[in-house]
Amino acid sequence: MTRYGMLINTKKCVGCSACRIACQMKNHLDPEESFIKYHEIETGEYPNVYNEIVPTQCMHCEDAPCAAVCPTHATYITDSGVVLVDEEKCIGCKYCMAACPYGARIVQEKTGVVEKCRFCWDGEKPGNPPACVGTCISGARIFGDLDDPDSEINQAIAKYHAQPLADNLTVSKIYYVR
């Protein structure tokens, strides 16, 4: 069974916003709407200061709290582990927004639907690669099958000892190299 995930290497991310812009264009989002947020983390002391850019988005949780609270089951998890939203079922109640520990949901101004990253899902499968991965100029993003031990993403997770963001609330399918 395929289980999709993503690796984001913050040591390679330059904060150029190419992933965010590609995502906005692919999903027809207004300029102020975005599924990707950037967090800057400064560590060290002068003169040895390091600035890390950490892009975050929907973590496609294994047991997604947003899906558990959705009264219409508009938010659901596919067999391949991708958390999606059925726009026809969404009533805009925002329960999913309140339940998401990552603040990854937005209300689309045009439709009122509460949306999020869906790995550029099209029909029965995700983008190949999703827009954010395909446009990343520094190669900081890798997308693939977490259940395939020979996949590029699994090799990179092992090589860099990548881990999901630590929150102990959910099991994420987004891994970070930090």
N, C-alpha and C. Protein backbone atom coordinates (compact mmCIF):
# COMPACT_ATOMS: atom_id res chain seq x y z
N MET A 1 0.85 -1.18 0.00
CA MET A 1 0.00 0.00 0.00
C MET A 1 0.90 1.24 0.00
N THR A 2 0.53 2.21 -0.77
CA THR A 2 1.27 3.47 -0.83
C THR A 2 0.79 4.39 0.28
N ARG A 3 1.75 5.01 0.95
CA ARG A 3 1.45 6.00 1.99
C ARG A 3 2.34 7.20 1.71
N TYR A 4 1.73 8.30 1.27
CA TYR A 4 2.50 9.45 0.81
C TYR A 4 2.98 10.33 1.97
N GLY A 5 4.14 10.93 1.75
CA GLY A 5 4.70 11.87 2.72
C GLY A 5 5.67 12.81 2.05
N MET A 6 6.18 13.73 2.85
CA MET A 6 7.11 14.74 2.32
C MET A 6 8.23 14.97 3.32
N LEU A 7 9.40 15.27 2.80
CA LEU A 7 10.54 15.67 3.61
C LEU A 7 10.87 17.11 3.26
N ILE A 8 11.10 17.93 4.28
CA ILE A 8 11.51 19.32 4.08
C ILE A 8 12.85 19.49 4.79
N ASN A 9 13.88 19.82 4.01
CA ASN A 9 15.22 20.00 4.56
C ASN A 9 15.43 21.48 4.84
N THR A 10 15.32 21.87 6.11
CA THR A 10 15.46 23.28 6.46
C THR A 10 16.89 23.78 6.29
N LYS A 11 17.84 22.88 6.19
CA LYS A 11 19.22 23.29 5.96
C LYS A 11 19.42 23.74 4.51
N LYS A 12 18.51 23.32 3.63
CA LYS A 12 18.58 23.71 2.23
C LYS A 12 17.61 24.84 1.88
N CYS A 13 16.55 25.01 2.67
CA CYS A 13 15.53 26.01 2.35
C CYS A 13 16.13 27.42 2.46
N VAL A 14 15.93 28.22 1.40
CA VAL A 14 16.46 29.58 1.37
C VAL A 14 15.37 30.63 1.58
N GLY A 15 14.13 30.17 1.79
CA GLY A 15 13.03 31.10 2.04
C GLY A 15 12.65 31.94 0.84
N CYS A 16 12.78 31.39 -0.34
CA CYS A 16 12.52 32.15 -1.57
C CYS A 16 11.03 32.30 -1.88
N SER A 17 10.20 31.52 -1.23
CA SER A 17 8.74 31.52 -1.42
C SER A 17 8.28 30.88 -2.72
N ALA A 18 9.16 30.25 -3.46
CA ALA A 18 8.75 29.59 -4.71
C ALA A 18 7.71 28.50 -4.43
N CYS A 19 7.88 27.74 -3.35
CA CYS A 19 6.92 26.68 -3.04
C CYS A 19 5.55 27.27 -2.71
N ARG A 20 5.56 28.34 -1.97
CA ARG A 20 4.31 28.99 -1.58
C ARG A 20 3.58 29.56 -2.80
N ILE A 21 4.31 30.22 -3.67
CA ILE A 21 3.71 30.82 -4.86
C ILE A 21 3.19 29.73 -5.80
N ALA A 22 3.96 28.66 -5.98
CA ALA A 22 3.50 27.55 -6.84
C ALA A 22 2.23 26.93 -6.28
N CYS A 23 2.17 26.78 -4.97
CA CYS A 23 0.98 26.24 -4.30
C CYS A 23 -0.22 27.16 -4.50
N GLN A 24 0.01 28.46 -4.30
CA GLN A 24 -1.08 29.41 -4.48
C GLN A 24 -1.63 29.37 -5.91
N MET A 25 -0.73 29.30 -6.88
CA MET A 25 -1.16 29.28 -8.28
C MET A 25 -1.90 27.98 -8.60
N LYS A 26 -1.36 26.86 -8.16
CA LYS A 26 -1.97 25.55 -8.42
C LYS A 26 -3.38 25.47 -7.82
N ASN A 27 -3.55 26.07 -6.64
CA ASN A 27 -4.82 25.97 -5.92
C ASN A 27 -5.72 27.19 -6.08
N HIS A 28 -5.33 28.09 -6.98
CA HIS A 28 -6.13 29.29 -7.28
C HIS A 28 -6.43 30.10 -6.02
N LEU A 29 -5.39 30.28 -5.19
CA LEU A 29 -5.54 31.03 -3.94
C LEU A 29 -5.23 32.51 -4.19
N ASP A 30 -5.91 33.37 -3.48
CA ASP A 30 -5.62 34.80 -3.54
C ASP A 30 -4.26 35.05 -2.90
N PRO A 31 -3.61 36.18 -3.21
CA PRO A 31 -2.28 36.45 -2.67
C PRO A 31 -2.18 36.38 -1.14
N GLU A 32 -3.25 36.73 -0.44
CA GLU A 32 -3.20 36.69 1.03
C GLU A 32 -3.54 35.31 1.59
N GLU A 33 -3.91 34.36 0.73
CA GLU A 33 -4.23 33.00 1.15
C GLU A 33 -3.05 32.08 0.84
N SER A 34 -2.73 31.19 1.76
CA SER A 34 -1.64 30.26 1.52
C SER A 34 -1.76 29.03 2.39
N PHE A 35 -1.40 27.89 1.83
CA PHE A 35 -1.35 26.65 2.59
C PHE A 35 0.02 26.46 3.25
N ILE A 36 1.01 27.26 2.86
CA ILE A 36 2.37 27.16 3.39
C ILE A 36 2.70 28.42 4.19
N LYS A 37 3.21 28.21 5.40
CA LYS A 37 3.65 29.32 6.25
C LYS A 37 5.14 29.14 6.53
N TYR A 38 5.81 30.27 6.76
CA TYR A 38 7.24 30.22 7.08
C TYR A 38 7.47 30.70 8.50
N HIS A 39 8.34 30.00 9.20
CA HIS A 39 8.73 30.38 10.55
C HIS A 39 10.25 30.54 10.55
N GLU A 40 10.73 31.66 11.06
CA GLU A 40 12.17 31.88 11.15
C GLU A 40 12.61 31.64 12.59
N ILE A 41 13.60 30.78 12.73
CA ILE A 41 14.11 30.44 14.06
C ILE A 41 15.58 30.84 14.11
N GLU A 42 15.90 31.73 15.00
CA GLU A 42 17.27 32.19 15.16
C GLU A 42 17.89 31.51 16.37
N THR A 43 19.05 30.92 16.17
CA THR A 43 19.75 30.25 17.26
C THR A 43 21.18 30.77 17.34
N GLY A 44 21.78 30.55 18.47
CA GLY A 44 23.15 30.97 18.68
C GLY A 44 23.24 32.38 19.25
N GLU A 45 24.48 32.80 19.43
CA GLU A 45 24.75 34.14 19.93
C GLU A 45 25.79 34.80 19.03
N TYR A 46 25.69 36.10 18.94
CA TYR A 46 26.61 36.86 18.12
C TYR A 46 28.04 36.52 18.52
N PRO A 47 28.93 36.27 17.61
CA PRO A 47 28.83 36.39 16.15
C PRO A 47 28.42 35.09 15.46
N ASN A 48 28.09 34.06 16.23
CA ASN A 48 27.73 32.76 15.66
C ASN A 48 26.22 32.56 15.71
N VAL A 49 25.53 33.25 14.81
CA VAL A 49 24.07 33.19 14.76
C VAL A 49 23.65 32.43 13.52
N TYR A 50 22.65 31.59 13.67
CA TYR A 50 22.13 30.81 12.56
C TYR A 50 20.64 31.08 12.44
N ASN A 51 20.20 31.38 11.23
CA ASN A 51 18.78 31.63 10.96
C ASN A 51 18.24 30.47 10.14
N GLU A 52 17.25 29.79 10.71
CA GLU A 52 16.65 28.64 10.04
C GLU A 52 15.24 29.00 9.59
N ILE A 53 14.91 28.67 8.36
CA ILE A 53 13.57 28.90 7.83
C ILE A 53 12.85 27.56 7.82
N VAL A 54 11.72 27.52 8.53
CA VAL A 54 10.95 26.28 8.65
C VAL A 54 9.58 26.48 7.99
N PRO A 55 9.41 25.94 6.79
CA PRO A 55 8.10 26.01 6.15
C PRO A 55 7.18 24.96 6.77
N THR A 56 5.94 25.35 7.09
CA THR A 56 4.98 24.39 7.61
C THR A 56 3.72 24.42 6.76
N GLN A 57 2.99 23.34 6.83
CA GLN A 57 1.75 23.17 6.08
C GLN A 57 0.99 22.05 6.76
N CYS A 58 -0.08 21.57 6.14
CA CYS A 58 -0.80 20.43 6.68
C CYS A 58 0.19 19.27 6.82
N MET A 59 0.15 18.61 7.97
CA MET A 59 1.08 17.52 8.23
C MET A 59 0.52 16.16 7.82
N HIS A 60 -0.70 16.13 7.29
CA HIS A 60 -1.34 14.88 6.86
C HIS A 60 -1.22 13.82 7.95
N CYS A 61 -1.74 14.16 9.11
CA CYS A 61 -1.66 13.32 10.31
C CYS A 61 -2.27 11.93 10.07
N GLU A 62 -1.64 10.93 10.67
CA GLU A 62 -2.16 9.55 10.58
C GLU A 62 -3.57 9.46 11.13
N ASP A 63 -3.80 10.06 12.28
CA ASP A 63 -5.11 10.06 12.92
C ASP A 63 -5.54 11.52 13.03
N ALA A 64 -5.88 12.13 11.91
CA ALA A 64 -6.09 13.57 11.80
C ALA A 64 -7.22 14.07 12.70
N PRO A 65 -6.89 14.97 13.66
CA PRO A 65 -7.92 15.53 14.52
C PRO A 65 -8.97 16.31 13.74
N CYS A 66 -8.57 16.92 12.63
CA CYS A 66 -9.52 17.69 11.81
C CYS A 66 -10.59 16.79 11.22
N ALA A 67 -10.21 15.58 10.83
CA ALA A 67 -11.18 14.63 10.27
C ALA A 67 -12.11 14.11 11.35
N ALA A 68 -11.58 13.92 12.55
CA ALA A 68 -12.38 13.38 13.64
C ALA A 68 -13.51 14.31 14.07
N VAL A 69 -13.31 15.63 13.94
CA VAL A 69 -14.33 16.57 14.41
C VAL A 69 -15.27 17.06 13.31
N CYS A 70 -15.02 16.71 12.07
CA CYS A 70 -15.83 17.21 10.96
C CYS A 70 -17.23 16.59 11.01
N PRO A 71 -18.26 17.42 11.23
CA PRO A 71 -19.62 16.87 11.38
C PRO A 71 -20.21 16.30 10.09
N THR A 72 -19.71 16.73 8.94
CA THR A 72 -20.25 16.25 7.66
C THR A 72 -19.32 15.25 6.98
N HIS A 73 -18.19 14.93 7.61
CA HIS A 73 -17.17 14.05 7.05
C HIS A 73 -16.60 14.60 5.75
N ALA A 74 -16.60 15.94 5.63
CA ALA A 74 -15.99 16.58 4.47
C ALA A 74 -14.48 16.37 4.50
N THR A 75 -13.91 16.38 5.69
CA THR A 75 -12.48 16.08 5.82
C THR A 75 -12.35 14.59 6.06
N TYR A 76 -11.50 13.96 5.25
CA TYR A 76 -11.34 12.51 5.35
C TYR A 76 -9.90 12.12 4.99
N ILE A 77 -9.55 10.90 5.31
CA ILE A 77 -8.20 10.39 5.04
C ILE A 77 -8.31 9.30 3.98
N THR A 78 -7.55 9.46 2.90
CA THR A 78 -7.57 8.46 1.82
C THR A 78 -6.83 7.20 2.28
N ASP A 79 -6.96 6.14 1.50
CA ASP A 79 -6.25 4.89 1.80
C ASP A 79 -4.73 5.09 1.78
N SER A 80 -4.28 6.10 1.04
CA SER A 80 -2.84 6.37 0.97
C SER A 80 -2.39 7.40 2.00
N GLY A 81 -3.28 7.73 2.94
CA GLY A 81 -2.90 8.58 4.07
C GLY A 81 -2.96 10.07 3.84
N VAL A 82 -3.47 10.50 2.69
CA VAL A 82 -3.56 11.93 2.41
C VAL A 82 -4.88 12.45 2.99
N VAL A 83 -4.81 13.56 3.72
CA VAL A 83 -6.00 14.17 4.30
C VAL A 83 -6.57 15.14 3.28
N LEU A 84 -7.82 14.91 2.90
CA LEU A 84 -8.47 15.71 1.86
C LEU A 84 -9.75 16.35 2.38
N VAL A 85 -10.28 17.30 1.61
CA VAL A 85 -11.54 17.97 1.91
C VAL A 85 -12.47 17.81 0.72
N ASP A 86 -13.67 17.31 0.97
CA ASP A 86 -14.70 17.24 -0.07
C ASP A 86 -15.45 18.57 -0.03
N GLU A 87 -15.19 19.42 -1.01
CA GLU A 87 -15.77 20.77 -1.04
C GLU A 87 -17.29 20.74 -1.04
N GLU A 88 -17.87 19.71 -1.62
CA GLU A 88 -19.33 19.61 -1.69
C GLU A 88 -19.95 19.38 -0.30
N LYS A 89 -19.20 18.73 0.60
CA LYS A 89 -19.72 18.42 1.93
C LYS A 89 -19.39 19.47 2.98
N CYS A 90 -18.37 20.31 2.70
CA CYS A 90 -17.93 21.29 3.70
C CYS A 90 -18.99 22.36 3.90
N ILE A 91 -19.35 22.59 5.17
CA ILE A 91 -20.34 23.62 5.50
C ILE A 91 -19.69 24.85 6.11
N GLY A 92 -18.36 24.87 6.16
CA GLY A 92 -17.64 26.04 6.66
C GLY A 92 -17.77 26.27 8.15
N CYS A 93 -18.00 25.23 8.94
CA CYS A 93 -18.20 25.38 10.39
C CYS A 93 -16.92 25.71 11.15
N LYS A 94 -15.78 25.41 10.55
CA LYS A 94 -14.44 25.70 11.10
C LYS A 94 -14.04 24.82 12.29
N TYR A 95 -14.75 23.73 12.54
CA TYR A 95 -14.34 22.80 13.60
C TYR A 95 -12.95 22.25 13.29
N CYS A 96 -12.70 21.97 12.01
CA CYS A 96 -11.41 21.43 11.60
C CYS A 96 -10.29 22.43 11.88
N MET A 97 -10.58 23.71 11.70
CA MET A 97 -9.58 24.74 11.98
C MET A 97 -9.21 24.75 13.46
N ALA A 98 -10.22 24.61 14.31
CA ALA A 98 -9.98 24.61 15.75
C ALA A 98 -9.23 23.36 16.18
N ALA A 99 -9.48 22.23 15.52
CA ALA A 99 -8.86 20.96 15.92
C ALA A 99 -7.43 20.80 15.41
N CYS A 100 -7.07 21.51 14.35
CA CYS A 100 -5.74 21.33 13.75
C CYS A 100 -4.65 21.89 14.66
N PRO A 101 -3.74 21.04 15.15
CA PRO A 101 -2.68 21.52 16.03
C PRO A 101 -1.62 22.37 15.31
N TYR A 102 -1.66 22.42 13.99
CA TYR A 102 -0.66 23.14 13.21
C TYR A 102 -1.18 24.44 12.61
N GLY A 103 -2.45 24.74 12.78
CA GLY A 103 -3.01 25.96 12.19
C GLY A 103 -2.89 25.95 10.68
N ALA A 104 -3.08 24.78 10.08
CA ALA A 104 -2.82 24.61 8.65
C ALA A 104 -4.02 24.86 7.76
N ARG A 105 -5.15 25.23 8.34
CA ARG A 105 -6.38 25.40 7.57
C ARG A 105 -6.62 26.87 7.25
N ILE A 106 -7.24 27.11 6.09
CA ILE A 106 -7.67 28.46 5.72
C ILE A 106 -9.09 28.39 5.18
N VAL A 107 -9.81 29.49 5.28
CA VAL A 107 -11.13 29.58 4.66
C VAL A 107 -10.92 30.27 3.32
N GLN A 108 -11.24 29.57 2.25
CA GLN A 108 -11.10 30.19 0.93
C GLN A 108 -12.16 31.26 0.77
N GLU A 109 -11.70 32.47 0.49
CA GLU A 109 -12.61 33.62 0.38
C GLU A 109 -13.68 33.41 -0.68
N LYS A 110 -13.29 32.83 -1.80
CA LYS A 110 -14.22 32.68 -2.93
C LYS A 110 -15.34 31.69 -2.65
N THR A 111 -15.03 30.60 -1.92
CA THR A 111 -15.99 29.51 -1.77
C THR A 111 -16.52 29.34 -0.35
N GLY A 112 -15.79 29.84 0.66
CA GLY A 112 -16.18 29.62 2.05
C GLY A 112 -15.77 28.25 2.56
N VAL A 113 -15.15 27.45 1.70
CA VAL A 113 -14.71 26.10 2.09
C VAL A 113 -13.43 26.22 2.91
N VAL A 114 -13.35 25.41 3.97
CA VAL A 114 -12.14 25.37 4.79
C VAL A 114 -11.18 24.39 4.12
N GLU A 115 -10.07 24.90 3.61
CA GLU A 115 -9.14 24.12 2.80
C GLU A 115 -7.78 23.99 3.46
N LYS A 116 -6.91 23.22 2.79
CA LYS A 116 -5.57 22.94 3.27
C LYS A 116 -4.76 22.28 2.17
N CYS A 117 -3.50 22.07 2.43
CA CYS A 117 -2.65 21.33 1.49
C CYS A 117 -3.24 19.94 1.26
N ARG A 118 -3.21 19.51 0.01
CA ARG A 118 -3.68 18.16 -0.31
C ARG A 118 -2.67 17.44 -1.21
N PHE A 119 -1.42 17.85 -1.14
CA PHE A 119 -0.37 17.27 -1.98
C PHE A 119 -0.75 17.36 -3.45
N CYS A 120 -1.47 18.44 -3.82
CA CYS A 120 -1.91 18.66 -5.20
C CYS A 120 -2.70 17.47 -5.75
N TRP A 121 -3.54 16.89 -4.89
CA TRP A 121 -4.36 15.73 -5.24
C TRP A 121 -5.19 16.03 -6.48
N ASP A 122 -5.17 15.10 -7.43
CA ASP A 122 -5.92 15.27 -8.66
C ASP A 122 -6.53 13.92 -9.02
N GLY A 123 -7.81 13.80 -8.90
CA GLY A 123 -8.47 12.54 -9.20
C GLY A 123 -8.23 11.52 -8.11
N GLU A 124 -7.39 10.55 -8.40
CA GLU A 124 -7.14 9.46 -7.46
C GLU A 124 -5.72 9.43 -6.90
N LYS A 125 -4.92 10.47 -7.20
CA LYS A 125 -3.54 10.44 -6.72
C LYS A 125 -3.02 11.86 -6.54
N PRO A 126 -1.93 12.00 -5.80
CA PRO A 126 -1.34 13.33 -5.60
C PRO A 126 -0.57 13.79 -6.83
N GLY A 127 -0.15 15.05 -6.77
CA GLY A 127 0.69 15.56 -7.85
C GLY A 127 1.98 14.76 -7.93
N ASN A 128 2.57 14.72 -9.08
CA ASN A 128 3.79 13.95 -9.24
C ASN A 128 4.87 14.80 -9.89
N PRO A 129 5.56 15.59 -9.13
CA PRO A 129 5.42 15.85 -7.70
C PRO A 129 4.40 16.96 -7.44
N PRO A 130 4.05 17.19 -6.17
CA PRO A 130 3.21 18.36 -5.85
C PRO A 130 3.93 19.63 -6.29
N ALA A 131 3.16 20.69 -6.54
CA ALA A 131 3.71 21.95 -7.07
C ALA A 131 4.85 22.49 -6.21
N CYS A 132 4.73 22.41 -4.90
CA CYS A 132 5.77 22.95 -4.01
C CYS A 132 7.09 22.22 -4.17
N VAL A 133 7.03 20.92 -4.41
CA VAL A 133 8.24 20.11 -4.57
C VAL A 133 8.86 20.38 -5.94
N GLY A 134 8.04 20.42 -6.96
CA GLY A 134 8.53 20.60 -8.31
C GLY A 134 9.18 21.95 -8.57
N THR A 135 8.82 22.95 -7.77
CA THR A 135 9.34 24.30 -8.00
C THR A 135 10.46 24.69 -7.03
N CYS A 136 10.76 23.86 -6.05
CA CYS A 136 11.76 24.20 -5.04
C CYS A 136 13.15 24.33 -5.68
N ILE A 137 13.70 25.55 -5.68
CA ILE A 137 14.97 25.81 -6.37
C ILE A 137 16.17 25.19 -5.67
N SER A 138 16.04 24.93 -4.38
CA SER A 138 17.19 24.39 -3.64
C SER A 138 17.09 22.89 -3.39
N GLY A 139 16.01 22.27 -3.85
CA GLY A 139 15.84 20.83 -3.64
C GLY A 139 15.58 20.49 -2.18
N ALA A 140 14.98 21.42 -1.45
CA ALA A 140 14.72 21.21 -0.02
C ALA A 140 13.54 20.29 0.25
N ARG A 141 12.73 20.00 -0.77
CA ARG A 141 11.53 19.18 -0.59
C ARG A 141 11.62 17.90 -1.41
N ILE A 142 11.22 16.80 -0.77
CA ILE A 142 11.15 15.51 -1.44
C ILE A 142 9.78 14.92 -1.12
N PHE A 143 9.13 14.35 -2.12
CA PHE A 143 7.81 13.74 -1.95
C PHE A 143 7.89 12.29 -2.39
N GLY A 144 7.16 11.42 -1.70
CA GLY A 144 7.16 10.04 -2.15
C GLY A 144 6.40 9.10 -1.24
N ASP A 145 6.63 7.82 -1.46
CA ASP A 145 5.94 6.74 -0.76
C ASP A 145 6.72 6.34 0.49
N LEU A 146 6.12 6.60 1.64
CA LEU A 146 6.76 6.27 2.91
C LEU A 146 6.80 4.76 3.16
N ASP A 147 5.98 4.00 2.45
CA ASP A 147 5.96 2.54 2.63
C ASP A 147 6.94 1.81 1.71
N ASP A 148 7.59 2.53 0.81
CA ASP A 148 8.58 1.93 -0.08
C ASP A 148 9.97 2.19 0.49
N PRO A 149 10.62 1.17 1.03
CA PRO A 149 11.94 1.39 1.65
C PRO A 149 13.00 1.88 0.67
N ASP A 150 12.80 1.68 -0.63
CA ASP A 150 13.76 2.11 -1.64
C ASP A 150 13.45 3.48 -2.22
N SER A 151 12.37 4.12 -1.76
CA SER A 151 12.00 5.42 -2.31
C SER A 151 13.00 6.49 -1.91
N GLU A 152 13.05 7.55 -2.73
CA GLU A 152 13.96 8.66 -2.46
C GLU A 152 13.67 9.29 -1.09
N ILE A 153 12.39 9.41 -0.74
CA ILE A 153 12.05 10.03 0.54
C ILE A 153 12.55 9.18 1.71
N ASN A 154 12.39 7.88 1.64
CA ASN A 154 12.86 7.02 2.74
C ASN A 154 14.38 7.02 2.85
N GLN A 155 15.06 7.06 1.73
CA GLN A 155 16.52 7.12 1.75
C GLN A 155 16.98 8.44 2.38
N ALA A 156 16.29 9.55 2.06
CA ALA A 156 16.65 10.85 2.63
C ALA A 156 16.31 10.91 4.12
N ILE A 157 15.18 10.34 4.53
CA ILE A 157 14.82 10.31 5.96
C ILE A 157 15.91 9.59 6.74
N ALA A 158 16.37 8.45 6.22
CA ALA A 158 17.42 7.67 6.90
C ALA A 158 18.75 8.42 6.88
N LYS A 159 19.11 8.96 5.74
CA LYS A 159 20.40 9.66 5.60
C LYS A 159 20.51 10.86 6.53
N TYR A 160 19.44 11.65 6.62
CA TYR A 160 19.49 12.89 7.39
C TYR A 160 18.86 12.77 8.79
N HIS A 161 18.40 11.57 9.13
CA HIS A 161 17.72 11.35 10.42
C HIS A 161 16.57 12.33 10.60
N ALA A 162 15.80 12.49 9.53
CA ALA A 162 14.67 13.43 9.54
C ALA A 162 13.59 12.95 10.49
N GLN A 163 12.92 13.91 11.10
CA GLN A 163 11.87 13.62 12.08
C GLN A 163 10.68 14.55 11.82
N PRO A 164 9.47 14.09 12.16
CA PRO A 164 8.34 15.02 12.14
C PRO A 164 8.56 16.10 13.21
N LEU A 165 7.86 17.22 13.09
CA LEU A 165 7.92 18.22 14.15
C LEU A 165 7.43 17.57 15.42
N ALA A 166 8.10 17.79 16.50
CA ALA A 166 7.73 17.16 17.77
C ALA A 166 6.57 17.90 18.41
N ASP A 167 5.45 17.22 18.56
CA ASP A 167 4.33 17.81 19.28
C ASP A 167 3.59 16.78 20.12
N ASN A 168 3.85 15.52 19.87
CA ASN A 168 3.24 14.41 20.60
C ASN A 168 1.72 14.39 20.50
N LEU A 169 1.13 15.19 19.62
CA LEU A 169 -0.31 15.19 19.45
C LEU A 169 -0.74 14.31 18.29
N THR A 170 0.08 14.28 17.26
CA THR A 170 -0.27 13.55 16.05
C THR A 170 0.96 12.85 15.49
N VAL A 171 0.72 11.88 14.62
CA VAL A 171 1.80 11.26 13.86
C VAL A 171 1.73 11.86 12.47
N SER A 172 2.76 12.60 12.12
CA SER A 172 2.80 13.39 10.90
C SER A 172 3.46 12.63 9.76
N LYS A 173 3.09 12.99 8.52
CA LYS A 173 3.74 12.44 7.34
C LYS A 173 4.64 13.47 6.67
N ILE A 174 4.92 14.56 7.38
CA ILE A 174 5.88 15.56 6.91
C ILE A 174 7.10 15.44 7.83
N TYR A 175 8.25 15.16 7.23
CA TYR A 175 9.50 14.98 7.99
C TYR A 175 10.41 16.17 7.74
N TYR A 176 11.16 16.54 8.76
CA TYR A 176 12.04 17.70 8.69
C TYR A 176 13.49 17.32 8.97
N VAL A 177 14.38 17.91 8.20
CA VAL A 177 15.81 17.86 8.47
C VAL A 177 16.13 19.19 9.11
N ARG A 178 16.61 19.16 10.35
CA ARG A 178 16.87 20.43 11.08
C ARG A 178 18.27 20.41 11.67
